Amino acid sequence: MPDEKESAEVMKWTDTREIAIALCEHHPDVDPKAIRFTDLHRWVMALPGFGDDANRSNEKILEAIQMTWIEESE
């Protein structure tokens, strides 16, 4: 059923590894150690397949995404 598969692929703020991998693919020239959380938030919201509420993120979540992105980029 395509509908179930599509809904299963929607990323949420808690999907830090999937988000980090997608950020690596979409922003290969960016140093994740130097990114501001405002930019990180905006870029996550713009990722294809991301479908969570913008207000559900916080500094802890953004930091976890950033740290995972750093790990994935090394």
Protein backbone atom coordinates (compact mmCIF):
# COMPACT_ATOMS: atom_id res chain seq x y z
CA MET A 1 0.00 0.00 0.00
CA PRO A 2 1.69 3.24 -1.11
CA ASP A 3 -0.07 5.36 1.50
CA GLU A 4 1.40 3.37 4.38
CA LYS A 5 4.88 3.47 2.84
CA GLU A 6 4.70 7.22 2.31
CA SER A 7 3.60 7.88 5.87
CA ALA A 8 6.34 5.58 7.19
CA GLU A 9 8.95 7.65 5.36
CA VAL A 10 7.93 10.98 6.90
CA MET A 11 10.76 12.21 9.11
CA LYS A 12 10.08 13.68 12.53
CA TRP A 13 12.39 15.75 14.76
CA THR A 14 13.30 12.59 16.69
CA ASP A 15 14.68 10.90 13.54
CA THR A 16 18.09 12.45 14.11
CA ARG A 17 20.13 9.90 12.11
CA GLU A 18 17.84 10.07 9.07
CA ILE A 19 17.84 13.87 9.23
CA ALA A 20 21.63 13.99 9.55
CA ILE A 21 22.08 11.71 6.54
CA ALA A 22 19.67 13.82 4.50
CA LEU A 23 21.53 17.00 5.52
CA CYS A 24 24.85 15.43 4.45
CA GLU A 25 23.32 14.71 1.05
CA HIS A 26 21.64 18.10 0.61
CA HIS A 27 24.44 20.27 2.03
CA PRO A 28 27.70 18.44 1.22
CA ASP A 29 29.85 21.58 1.35
CA VAL A 30 28.65 22.72 4.78
CA ASP A 31 30.73 22.20 7.92
CA PRO A 32 28.13 21.02 10.46
CA LYS A 33 30.35 22.27 13.31
CA ALA A 34 29.88 25.85 12.12
CA ILE A 35 26.13 25.90 11.48
CA ARG A 36 23.76 28.10 13.44
CA PHE A 37 20.67 26.48 14.93
CA THR A 38 18.43 28.92 13.07
CA ASP A 39 19.86 27.71 9.75
CA LEU A 40 19.77 24.09 10.87
CA HIS A 41 16.09 24.41 11.80
CA ARG A 42 15.27 25.98 8.44
CA TRP A 43 17.21 23.33 6.49
CA VAL A 44 15.57 20.45 8.36
CA MET A 45 12.13 21.90 7.69
CA ALA A 46 13.00 22.13 3.97
CA LEU A 47 14.18 18.51 3.65
CA PRO A 48 12.13 16.33 1.31
CA GLY A 49 10.28 13.82 3.43
CA PHE A 50 10.33 15.93 6.59
CA GLY A 51 6.84 16.37 7.97
CA ASP A 52 6.92 17.40 11.61
CA ASP A 53 5.68 20.58 13.30
CA ALA A 54 8.24 23.39 13.33
CA ASN A 55 7.37 24.15 16.96
CA ARG A 56 8.25 20.63 18.15
CA SER A 57 11.99 21.26 17.84
CA ASN A 58 14.15 22.67 20.59
CA GLU A 59 17.82 23.31 21.31
CA LYS A 60 18.38 19.76 22.59
CA ILE A 61 16.94 18.21 19.41
CA LEU A 62 18.88 20.56 17.13
CA GLU A 63 22.07 19.80 19.04
CA ALA A 64 21.48 16.05 18.65
CA ILE A 65 20.93 16.50 14.91
CA GLN A 66 24.08 18.60 14.63
CA MET A 67 26.19 16.06 16.55
CA THR A 68 24.89 13.21 14.41
CA TRP A 69 25.55 15.24 11.26
CA ILE A 70 29.14 15.78 12.43
CA GLU A 71 29.52 12.02 12.99
CA GLU A 72 28.04 11.21 9.58
CA SER A 73 30.28 13.70 7.78
CA GLU A 74 33.53 12.32 9.22
